[in-house]
Structure formats: C-alpha cells, structure tokens
Protein backbone atom coordinates (compact mmCIF):
# COMPACT_ATOMS: atom_id res chain seq x y z
CA MET A 1 -35.40 73.75 76.42
CA LYS A 2 -35.20 71.95 79.73
CA GLU A 3 -34.23 68.73 77.55
CA LEU A 4 -31.22 70.74 75.72
CA LEU A 5 -30.11 71.73 79.30
CA LYS A 6 -30.00 68.17 80.70
CA VAL A 7 -28.05 67.05 77.57
CA LEU A 8 -25.45 70.11 77.63
CA SER A 9 -25.01 69.36 81.54
CA LYS A 10 -23.44 65.78 80.99
CA PRO A 11 -19.89 65.27 81.36
CA ARG A 12 -17.94 66.99 78.17
CA SER A 13 -16.32 63.72 77.56
CA ILE A 14 -19.40 62.14 76.32
CA TYR A 15 -19.80 64.99 73.58
CA PHE A 16 -16.44 64.66 72.77
CA SER A 17 -16.65 61.15 72.23
CA ILE A 18 -19.67 61.31 69.95
CA VAL A 19 -17.81 64.08 68.06
CA ALA A 20 -14.42 61.95 67.44
CA MET A 21 -16.76 58.79 66.18
CA LEU A 22 -18.72 60.93 63.91
CA THR A 23 -15.34 62.26 62.57
CA LEU A 24 -13.71 59.19 62.73
CA THR A 25 -16.78 57.35 60.57
CA LEU A 26 -16.82 60.16 58.22
CA VAL A 27 -13.05 59.88 57.22
CA LEU A 28 -13.50 56.34 57.13
CA MET A 29 -16.33 56.64 54.48
CA LYS A 30 -14.23 59.17 52.60
CA ILE A 31 -11.42 56.79 52.22
CA SER A 32 -13.62 53.70 51.35
CA PHE A 33 -15.55 55.69 48.42
CA SER A 34 -12.32 56.98 47.23
CA TYR A 35 -11.39 53.62 46.19
CA TYR A 36 -14.40 53.43 44.05
CA ILE A 37 -12.99 54.92 40.77
CA PRO A 38 -14.37 53.67 37.41
CA LEU A 39 -12.04 51.60 35.43
CA SER A 40 -12.51 53.34 32.22
CA VAL A 41 -11.24 56.56 33.66
CA ASP A 42 -6.90 56.88 33.36
CA LYS A 43 -5.27 59.94 33.98
CA GLY A 44 -8.24 62.33 33.11
CA GLU A 45 -8.96 60.17 29.82
CA LEU A 46 -11.94 58.34 29.10
CA LYS A 47 -11.65 55.20 27.36
CA VAL A 48 -14.41 54.29 25.03
CA PRO A 49 -14.70 50.92 23.78
CA ASP A 50 -14.21 50.00 19.93
CA LEU A 51 -17.22 49.72 17.44
CA LYS A 52 -17.47 46.81 15.73
CA ASN A 53 -19.43 46.33 12.53
CA VAL A 54 -18.97 42.97 10.76
CA LEU A 55 -18.78 42.67 6.85
CA THR A 56 -20.02 39.16 5.37
CA ILE A 57 -20.10 38.62 1.84
CA ASP A 58 -22.93 36.23 1.23
CA GLY A 59 -21.90 32.81 -0.13
CA TYR A 60 -18.28 33.20 0.31
CA ASP A 61 -16.02 32.22 3.11
CA SER A 62 -13.76 35.34 2.73
CA ASN A 63 -13.64 38.82 2.21
CA GLU A 64 -10.79 38.44 -0.35
CA LEU A 65 -12.40 37.25 -3.93
CA VAL A 66 -10.39 35.84 -6.98
CA PHE A 67 -11.80 36.69 -10.32
CA GLU A 68 -11.28 35.08 -13.28
CA PRO A 69 -10.37 37.34 -15.99
CA ASN A 70 -13.03 39.94 -17.16
CA GLU A 71 -15.29 38.10 -14.72
CA THR A 72 -18.70 39.62 -13.12
CA LYS A 73 -19.83 38.70 -9.88
CA GLU A 74 -23.21 39.82 -8.11
CA LEU A 75 -22.17 40.05 -4.36
CA THR A 76 -24.70 40.55 -1.36
CA LEU A 77 -22.87 42.40 1.04
CA LYS A 78 -24.41 42.30 5.07
CA VAL A 79 -23.22 44.53 7.67
CA ASN A 80 -24.00 43.52 11.09
CA SER A 81 -23.80 45.77 14.41
CA GLU A 82 -21.91 44.12 17.23
CA ASN A 83 -22.40 47.58 19.12
CA GLU A 84 -24.95 48.80 21.62
CA ILE A 85 -24.83 52.22 20.41
CA GLU A 86 -25.84 53.56 16.85
CA SER A 87 -22.44 53.79 14.69
CA SER A 88 -21.42 54.56 11.20
CA PHE A 89 -19.61 52.52 8.43
CA VAL A 90 -17.76 52.51 5.45
CA ILE A 91 -17.24 49.66 2.86
CA PHE A 92 -13.88 49.85 0.95
CA TYR A 93 -11.74 47.59 -1.14
CA GLU A 94 -8.53 46.93 -1.92
CA GLY A 95 -7.84 46.02 -5.52
CA GLU A 96 -7.16 47.53 -9.06
CA ASN A 97 -8.91 47.25 -12.46
CA PHE A 98 -12.58 46.69 -10.77
CA THR A 99 -16.03 48.41 -12.12
CA ILE A 100 -18.07 48.23 -9.08
CA GLU A 101 -21.92 49.19 -9.73
CA PRO A 102 -23.93 50.53 -8.08
CA LEU A 103 -21.70 53.59 -8.07
CA THR A 104 -22.88 54.71 -4.60
CA ALA A 105 -21.27 55.10 -1.63
CA ILE A 106 -21.69 52.03 0.80
CA ASN A 107 -21.45 54.19 4.00
CA SER A 108 -24.28 54.38 6.59
CA LYS A 109 -25.59 54.70 9.94
CA ILE A 110 -26.36 51.45 11.65
CA ASN A 111 -28.67 50.62 14.94
CA PRO A 112 -27.48 48.46 17.50
CA PHE A 113 -27.62 44.86 16.81
CA GLU A 114 -29.02 45.71 13.10
CA GLU A 115 -28.34 44.06 9.77
CA LYS A 116 -27.89 45.93 6.54
CA GLN A 117 -27.74 44.09 3.01
CA TYR A 118 -26.35 45.48 -0.15
CA ILE A 119 -25.86 44.13 -3.69
CA ILE A 120 -23.06 45.39 -5.96
CA ASN A 121 -21.75 43.89 -9.30
CA VAL A 122 -17.92 43.47 -8.99
CA THR A 123 -16.26 43.15 -12.43
CA ASN A 124 -12.61 42.21 -13.46
CA ASN A 125 -11.09 44.47 -16.24
CA LEU A 126 -7.75 42.53 -16.67
CA ASP A 127 -7.16 39.65 -18.95
CA THR A 128 -5.87 37.99 -16.04
CA ASN A 129 -6.92 36.41 -12.63
CA ASN A 130 -7.34 39.35 -10.10
CA THR A 131 -7.93 39.52 -6.50
CA ILE A 132 -10.08 42.04 -4.60
CA LYS A 133 -10.62 42.28 -0.96
CA LEU A 134 -13.67 43.94 0.60
CA ASP A 135 -13.41 45.42 4.19
CA ILE A 136 -15.37 47.85 6.29
CA LYS A 137 -14.26 50.48 8.89
CA SER A 138 -16.45 51.43 11.88
CA GLY A 139 -16.78 54.50 13.64
CA PHE A 140 -19.05 57.48 15.77
CA ASN A 141 -22.00 58.93 14.18
CA ASN A 142 -20.94 62.40 13.04
CA LYS A 143 -17.35 61.60 12.86
CA THR A 144 -15.34 61.35 9.66
CA ILE A 145 -14.23 57.97 9.10
CA GLU A 146 -10.63 57.86 7.57
CA VAL A 147 -10.04 55.43 4.79
CA THR A 148 -6.96 55.34 2.50
CA GLU A 149 -8.19 52.72 0.21
CA ASN A 150 -10.96 53.19 -2.49
CA ILE A 151 -14.35 53.74 -1.07
CA ILE A 152 -16.93 51.96 -2.71
CA LYS A 153 -18.74 54.55 -4.74
C-alpha cells in the first residue's frame, strides 16, 4: 500500500504522459491491423477459386474426335484433379448420332490430385464422318453441376 501511495504522489504529468502514450500506441495498432484484410473478401463476398479437373483421352491429342462411318472406338478417359480439395465432376459430350457404352453416367467425386480412369466404347451411327467432343465440368461436392449438353449415360 505504501508503494502505491509513492507512485500516486508523483506529479500528474507523468501519469498523463503514460496514458497518452498507451492511447496513441493502441490507436496506431488498430490502424495498422485495419489494413490487414484478406484479398479474397470484396464487398462482403467471399471469392472461391475455380475448381479444375482435367479430362484427357488416352492416345488422342484432342478431346474432339472424328469417326469414320459406323466406326467404333474404345476410349480410355482419364480425369485428373488439380484441386486442393475434394470436388465433383461430370463428363459430357457434344455430337449427334453416337452410341456410348457402358450406359452409366460418368459423374463422381475425386480427391485432391487424384486420377480416375474410365473405359467407354463410342460408335458413330451415321454413314458419314461424324465428330464428337468430350468435355468435363467441375463443381463442389453436394452441389448440382448444370450441364446443357449430353451427359454420358
């Protein structure tokens, strides 16, 4: 108690200076921390990076294939995840008069940096050359992936 009385008996200017310096320090800290705002937040919206799964067709340079009249090809489709989180994907095609077997939808979940492989048989049902384009659309798990083209099924 005696020590407290000694401290309190000093001139008030010292206490005022200490309080002023603490206040100034706290204000400067608040200002410096207010500049630390994550770049992913913009106007109250959280920006999420795009998910990317890559589709390759084994033995072909392109996802667009030309079929001879009534030709059947066995295609090995590989899906590679380039994401750091688990994602979903749907493989679809653009083209008409094709038969694709097996008749199961190729939509699945894929782990980070995983590779999945599917084998399908594609048949051109026309008597002329025909082109098919295979593609992939990625999305988050438990969310519907909207595809306007033909899903392989």
